[in-house]
């Protein structure tokens, strides 16, 4: 990895094989707070560098003279830059300067709320862009799993290749419902999840799928549940809770030390549901979109 300026601690690279060994100890030190970076780099490693888009990803670490890492980011254009929590605003300002000076123009930033706000403010100062909150989220960690009672009739099963079309359609409907563009093509997302058993369906007793729960691969002891989706006409019947419990149990059985999920802060229903199941708040995260002023 090379630094664009000898005076700065940020070092950038397009080489995932250079980034991962340097960043591994830092990312694994707080798997919950780094869950997005861990899952994105795992997907890049297993599915290819262009799984999220045609442009090459950019990676960065912030390290002192002895090589101790205190920050990291992953940027997969055309999506927002994913930034780890940083210890001070100066680190965010420094990164904004390096990217701006190099002509890099991320369309937004996502990360722990204080860090994302610091980077967004720095980006505004340095580029004149407008920064608006697009997606406030809350990260939850599973405590004691508490299945809701009564559970809806039916059972869970891991999705297979025969479910590809359904997974792709529900992936699209989920992102339409939350007003966010998916990070991957829907078909590619379905293929990736099917490849490692990363999508679970809740079916009624007659075998009709009524809800979906996705999960990331086990990385650094953590699995994140994403997404959980029930078609609008089928909501309010306990299917989302049932599939979330099934995915959580499978993650724990596979050896996960932490089972995580993100919620939309503004969705009181989902936040209440996950807390009833046993998830507890960890920290708030925010995504900002950047647009040119005027």
Protein backbone atom coordinates (compact mmCIF):
# COMPACT_ATOMS: atom_id res chain seq x y z
CA UNK A 1 0.00 0.00 0.00
CA UNK A 2 1.16 3.50 -0.74
CA UNK A 3 0.40 6.84 0.86
CA UNK A 4 -0.48 9.69 -1.50
CA UNK A 5 1.20 12.11 0.89
CA UNK A 6 4.17 11.19 3.09
CA UNK A 7 2.75 13.33 5.91
CA UNK A 8 -0.53 11.49 6.21
CA UNK A 9 -1.35 8.22 7.91
CA UNK A 10 -3.93 7.20 5.31
CA UNK A 11 -2.70 4.63 2.80
CA UNK A 12 -4.75 3.71 -0.27
CA UNK A 13 -4.73 0.75 -2.61
CA UNK A 14 -6.83 -1.01 -5.22
CA UNK A 15 -5.29 -4.34 -4.19
CA UNK A 16 -7.55 -6.37 -1.90
CA UNK A 17 -4.72 -8.82 -1.19
CA UNK A 18 -2.64 -5.94 0.16
CA UNK A 19 -5.48 -4.42 2.16
CA UNK A 20 -6.80 -7.50 3.96
CA UNK A 21 -3.59 -8.58 5.75
CA UNK A 22 -2.91 -5.01 6.88
CA UNK A 23 -6.47 -4.36 8.03
CA UNK A 24 -7.34 -7.80 9.43
CA UNK A 25 -6.35 -7.32 13.08
CA UNK A 26 -8.10 -3.95 13.22
CA UNK A 27 -11.31 -5.18 11.60
CA UNK A 28 -11.38 -8.34 13.73
CA UNK A 29 -10.81 -6.34 16.94
CA UNK A 30 -14.41 -5.01 16.83
CA UNK A 31 -16.32 -7.30 14.47
CA UNK A 32 -19.71 -5.75 15.23
CA UNK A 33 -18.63 -2.19 14.49
CA UNK A 34 -16.80 -3.33 11.36
CA UNK A 35 -19.48 -5.72 10.12
CA UNK A 36 -20.13 -3.84 6.88
CA UNK A 37 -16.45 -3.71 5.91
CA UNK A 38 -16.01 -7.38 6.83
CA UNK A 39 -18.96 -8.55 4.76
CA UNK A 40 -18.16 -6.37 1.75
CA UNK A 41 -14.53 -7.48 1.59
CA UNK A 42 -15.60 -11.10 2.05
CA UNK A 43 -17.98 -10.76 -0.90
CA UNK A 44 -15.24 -9.16 -3.02
CA UNK A 45 -12.88 -11.98 -2.09
CA UNK A 46 -15.32 -14.76 -2.90
CA UNK A 47 -17.31 -13.32 -5.83
CA UNK A 48 -14.79 -11.03 -7.52
CA UNK A 49 -13.73 -7.40 -7.35
CA UNK A 50 -16.50 -6.16 -9.64
CA UNK A 51 -19.44 -7.83 -7.93
CA UNK A 52 -20.73 -4.40 -6.81
CA UNK A 53 -19.92 -2.48 -10.00
CA UNK A 54 -17.65 -2.12 -13.00
CA UNK A 55 -15.11 0.22 -11.38
CA UNK A 56 -12.24 -1.08 -9.29
CA UNK A 57 -12.83 -0.85 -5.53
CA UNK A 58 -10.59 1.40 -3.43
CA UNK A 59 -9.36 0.43 0.03
CA UNK A 60 -7.65 2.43 2.73
CA UNK A 61 -6.15 2.14 6.18
CA UNK A 62 -4.97 4.74 8.66
CA UNK A 63 -1.78 3.58 10.38
CA UNK A 64 0.92 5.09 12.54
CA UNK A 65 4.67 4.78 11.94
CA UNK A 66 4.75 1.36 13.58
CA UNK A 67 1.96 0.05 11.38
CA UNK A 68 -0.81 0.07 14.00
CA UNK A 69 -4.10 0.56 12.18
CA UNK A 70 -6.71 2.92 13.64
CA UNK A 71 -9.12 3.29 10.73
CA UNK A 72 -10.18 1.73 7.46
CA UNK A 73 -12.53 2.23 4.56
CA UNK A 74 -13.84 0.30 1.58
CA UNK A 75 -15.29 2.04 -1.46
CA UNK A 76 -17.04 0.05 -4.17
CA UNK A 77 -18.14 2.56 -6.86
CA UNK A 78 -20.82 3.55 -7.66
CA UNK A 79 -21.86 3.06 -4.04
CA UNK A 80 -21.12 5.08 -0.92
CA UNK A 81 -17.80 4.82 0.88
CA UNK A 82 -17.99 2.49 3.91
CA UNK A 83 -15.93 3.92 6.76
CA UNK A 84 -14.92 2.37 10.07
CA UNK A 85 -15.40 4.31 13.30
CA UNK A 86 -12.58 6.84 13.72
CA UNK A 87 -11.12 8.14 16.95
CA UNK A 88 -11.16 11.82 16.00
CA UNK A 89 -12.57 14.26 13.46
CA UNK A 90 -9.08 15.07 12.17
CA UNK A 91 -8.81 11.58 10.69
CA UNK A 92 -12.06 12.10 8.77
CA UNK A 93 -10.93 15.52 7.57
CA UNK A 94 -7.59 14.09 6.48
CA UNK A 95 -9.29 11.37 4.45
CA UNK A 96 -11.66 13.84 2.82
CA UNK A 97 -8.67 15.91 1.79
CA UNK A 98 -6.78 13.00 0.29
CA UNK A 99 -9.77 11.78 -1.71
CA UNK A 100 -10.71 15.27 -2.86
CA UNK A 101 -7.18 16.17 -3.89
CA UNK A 102 -6.95 12.94 -5.89
CA UNK A 103 -10.18 13.70 -7.74
CA UNK A 104 -12.05 10.85 -6.07
CA UNK A 105 -15.75 11.59 -5.73
CA UNK A 106 -17.66 9.11 -3.57
CA UNK A 107 -21.41 9.69 -3.86
CA UNK A 108 -21.80 9.35 -0.11
CA UNK A 109 -20.47 7.85 3.08
CA UNK A 110 -21.82 5.30 5.53
CA UNK A 111 -20.55 4.50 8.99
CA UNK A 112 -20.98 4.93 12.72
CA UNK A 113 -22.98 8.12 13.10
CA UNK A 114 -20.36 10.41 14.64
CA UNK A 115 -17.69 9.34 12.15
CA UNK A 116 -20.03 9.59 9.15
CA UNK A 117 -21.09 13.07 10.25
CA UNK A 118 -17.47 14.16 10.64
CA UNK A 119 -16.56 12.93 7.17
CA UNK A 120 -19.69 14.46 5.62
CA UNK A 121 -18.90 17.84 7.20
CA UNK A 122 -15.29 17.65 6.01
CA UNK A 123 -16.42 16.71 2.50
CA UNK A 124 -18.78 19.69 2.44
CA UNK A 125 -16.03 22.09 3.54
CA UNK A 126 -13.52 20.80 1.03
CA UNK A 127 -15.73 20.26 -2.02
CA UNK A 128 -18.77 22.47 -1.59
CA UNK A 129 -21.05 19.46 -1.97
CA UNK A 130 -24.32 19.12 -0.11
CA UNK A 131 -24.50 16.23 2.35
CA UNK A 132 -27.91 14.89 3.31
CA UNK A 133 -28.86 11.99 5.56
CA UNK A 134 -30.30 9.21 3.40
CA UNK A 135 -30.50 6.27 5.76
CA UNK A 136 -30.23 6.37 9.58
CA UNK A 137 -29.68 2.88 10.96
CA UNK A 138 -29.30 1.14 14.31
CA UNK A 139 -26.99 -1.83 14.77
CA UNK A 140 -28.29 -4.59 17.02
CA UNK A 141 -26.52 -7.58 18.57
CA UNK A 142 -28.33 -10.73 19.67
CA UNK A 143 -28.40 -11.34 23.41
CA UNK A 144 -30.63 -14.21 24.51
CA UNK A 145 -32.70 -15.50 21.62
CA UNK A 146 -36.36 -15.36 22.61
CA UNK A 147 -38.67 -16.83 19.95
CA UNK A 148 -42.01 -15.03 19.74
CA UNK A 149 -45.06 -16.91 20.96
CA UNK A 150 -47.11 -18.12 19.34
CA UNK A 151 -44.99 -18.90 16.31
CA UNK A 152 -46.83 -18.88 12.97
CA UNK A 153 -47.60 -22.22 11.40
CA UNK A 154 -44.92 -23.40 9.02
CA UNK A 155 -41.20 -23.99 8.95
CA UNK A 156 -37.89 -22.61 7.66
CA UNK A 157 -35.69 -23.99 4.92
CA UNK A 158 -32.52 -22.80 3.25
CA UNK A 159 -33.12 -21.46 -0.26
CA UNK A 160 -31.72 -23.39 -3.23
CA UNK A 161 -31.15 -22.72 -6.89
CA UNK A 162 -34.81 -23.45 -7.57
CA UNK A 163 -35.65 -20.32 -5.53
CA UNK A 164 -33.38 -17.98 -7.51
CA UNK A 165 -36.15 -16.04 -9.25
CA UNK A 166 -38.06 -15.57 -6.00
CA UNK A 167 -34.97 -14.38 -4.12
CA UNK A 168 -34.08 -11.92 -6.86
CA UNK A 169 -37.62 -10.53 -6.95
CA UNK A 170 -37.86 -10.18 -3.18
CA UNK A 171 -34.41 -8.58 -3.08
CA UNK A 172 -35.67 -5.92 -5.47
CA UNK A 173 -38.93 -5.44 -3.58
CA UNK A 174 -37.06 -5.09 -0.27
CA UNK A 175 -34.84 -2.31 -1.57
CA UNK A 176 -37.77 -0.58 -3.22
CA UNK A 177 -39.62 -0.68 0.09
CA UNK A 178 -36.78 0.95 2.02
CA UNK A 179 -36.03 3.45 -0.74
CA UNK A 180 -32.44 2.31 -1.21
CA UNK A 181 -30.72 0.88 -4.25
CA UNK A 182 -29.27 -2.58 -3.71
CA UNK A 183 -25.51 -2.90 -3.65
CA UNK A 184 -25.57 -5.78 -6.15
CA UNK A 185 -27.57 -6.89 -9.14
CA UNK A 186 -30.53 -8.87 -7.82
CA UNK A 187 -29.62 -12.02 -9.74
CA UNK A 188 -25.99 -11.85 -8.64
CA UNK A 189 -27.14 -11.33 -5.06
CA UNK A 190 -29.35 -14.41 -5.27
CA UNK A 191 -26.54 -16.50 -6.78
CA UNK A 192 -24.09 -15.38 -4.10
CA UNK A 193 -26.47 -16.22 -1.25
CA UNK A 194 -27.48 -19.57 -2.71
CA UNK A 195 -23.80 -20.50 -3.08
CA UNK A 196 -23.23 -20.51 0.69
CA UNK A 197 -26.73 -21.04 2.04
CA UNK A 198 -27.18 -17.38 2.86
CA UNK A 199 -30.95 -17.09 2.36
CA UNK A 200 -33.66 -18.77 4.39
CA UNK A 201 -37.35 -18.95 3.50
CA UNK A 202 -40.26 -19.29 5.91
CA UNK A 203 -42.96 -21.46 4.37
CA UNK A 204 -46.54 -22.11 5.37
CA UNK A 205 -47.55 -25.75 5.96
CA UNK A 206 -48.53 -26.10 2.28
CA UNK A 207 -45.00 -25.11 1.19
CA UNK A 208 -45.72 -21.51 0.13
CA UNK A 209 -42.80 -19.13 0.84
CA UNK A 210 -44.03 -16.10 2.79
CA UNK A 211 -40.86 -14.44 4.13
CA UNK A 212 -37.12 -14.33 3.55
CA UNK A 213 -34.18 -13.89 5.90
CA UNK A 214 -30.70 -13.41 4.50
CA UNK A 215 -27.39 -13.70 6.28
CA UNK A 216 -23.77 -12.87 5.55
CA UNK A 217 -21.08 -15.50 5.74
CA UNK A 218 -19.38 -16.14 9.09
CA UNK A 219 -16.42 -13.74 9.19
CA UNK A 220 -14.42 -12.77 12.29
CA UNK A 221 -16.95 -14.60 14.47
CA UNK A 222 -19.89 -12.51 13.32
CA UNK A 223 -22.88 -13.11 11.08
CA UNK A 224 -25.20 -10.30 10.08
CA UNK A 225 -28.82 -10.94 9.21
CA UNK A 226 -29.73 -9.04 6.05
CA UNK A 227 -32.25 -8.57 4.65
CA UNK A 228 -35.48 -9.68 6.33
CA UNK A 229 -38.42 -9.29 3.99
CA UNK A 230 -42.11 -10.17 3.98
CA UNK A 231 -44.31 -9.10 1.04
CA UNK A 232 -46.67 -6.30 2.05
CA UNK A 233 -49.83 -8.41 1.77
CA UNK A 234 -48.43 -11.00 4.20
CA UNK A 235 -47.15 -8.74 6.96
CA UNK A 236 -48.46 -8.72 10.51
CA UNK A 237 -48.62 -12.52 10.79
CA UNK A 238 -45.32 -13.19 12.56
CA UNK A 239 -43.40 -14.42 9.53
CA UNK A 240 -40.55 -11.88 9.84
CA UNK A 241 -39.96 -12.82 13.45
CA UNK A 242 -40.09 -16.52 12.68
CA UNK A 243 -37.55 -16.36 9.85
CA UNK A 244 -35.26 -14.10 11.90
CA UNK A 245 -35.26 -16.64 14.73
CA UNK A 246 -34.49 -19.44 12.26
CA UNK A 247 -31.56 -17.55 10.74
CA UNK A 248 -30.26 -16.60 14.19
CA UNK A 249 -30.36 -20.21 15.37
CA UNK A 250 -28.51 -21.37 12.27
CA UNK A 251 -25.83 -18.71 12.75
CA UNK A 252 -25.28 -19.71 16.37
CA UNK A 253 -25.15 -23.39 15.39
CA UNK A 254 -22.51 -22.53 12.79
CA UNK A 255 -20.30 -21.03 15.49
CA UNK A 256 -21.09 -17.33 15.38
CA UNK A 257 -20.02 -15.40 18.46
CA UNK A 258 -22.15 -12.44 17.42
CA UNK A 259 -25.38 -12.30 15.43
CA UNK A 260 -26.04 -8.79 14.18
CA UNK A 261 -28.56 -6.84 12.17
CA UNK A 262 -29.27 -3.27 11.11
CA UNK A 263 -32.67 -1.61 11.30
CA UNK A 264 -34.09 1.61 9.95
CA UNK A 265 -34.12 3.90 12.99
CA UNK A 266 -37.46 5.32 11.88
CA UNK A 267 -39.21 1.94 11.65
CA UNK A 268 -40.70 1.48 15.11
CA UNK A 269 -42.29 -1.85 14.19
CA UNK A 270 -39.08 -3.60 13.18
CA UNK A 271 -37.10 -2.12 16.07
CA UNK A 272 -39.68 -3.39 18.56
CA UNK A 273 -39.81 -6.82 16.89
CA UNK A 274 -36.08 -7.43 17.01
CA UNK A 275 -35.87 -6.33 20.65
CA UNK A 276 -38.64 -8.78 21.56
CA UNK A 277 -36.64 -11.55 19.91
CA UNK A 278 -33.56 -10.67 21.98
CA UNK A 279 -31.55 -8.16 19.95
CA UNK A 280 -30.02 -5.24 21.83
CA UNK A 281 -28.87 -1.88 20.42
CA UNK A 282 -25.13 -1.47 19.85
CA UNK A 283 -24.68 1.86 18.07
CA UNK A 284 -26.31 4.09 15.48
CA UNK A 285 -24.99 4.33 11.94
CA UNK A 286 -25.82 6.87 9.24
CA UNK A 287 -25.47 7.05 5.48
CA UNK A 288 -25.11 10.44 3.78
CA UNK A 289 -25.58 11.24 0.10
CA UNK A 290 -23.36 13.87 -1.50
CA UNK A 291 -24.67 16.16 -4.24
CA UNK A 292 -23.05 19.14 -5.91
CA UNK A 293 -24.42 22.40 -4.50
CA UNK A 294 -26.42 24.43 -6.98
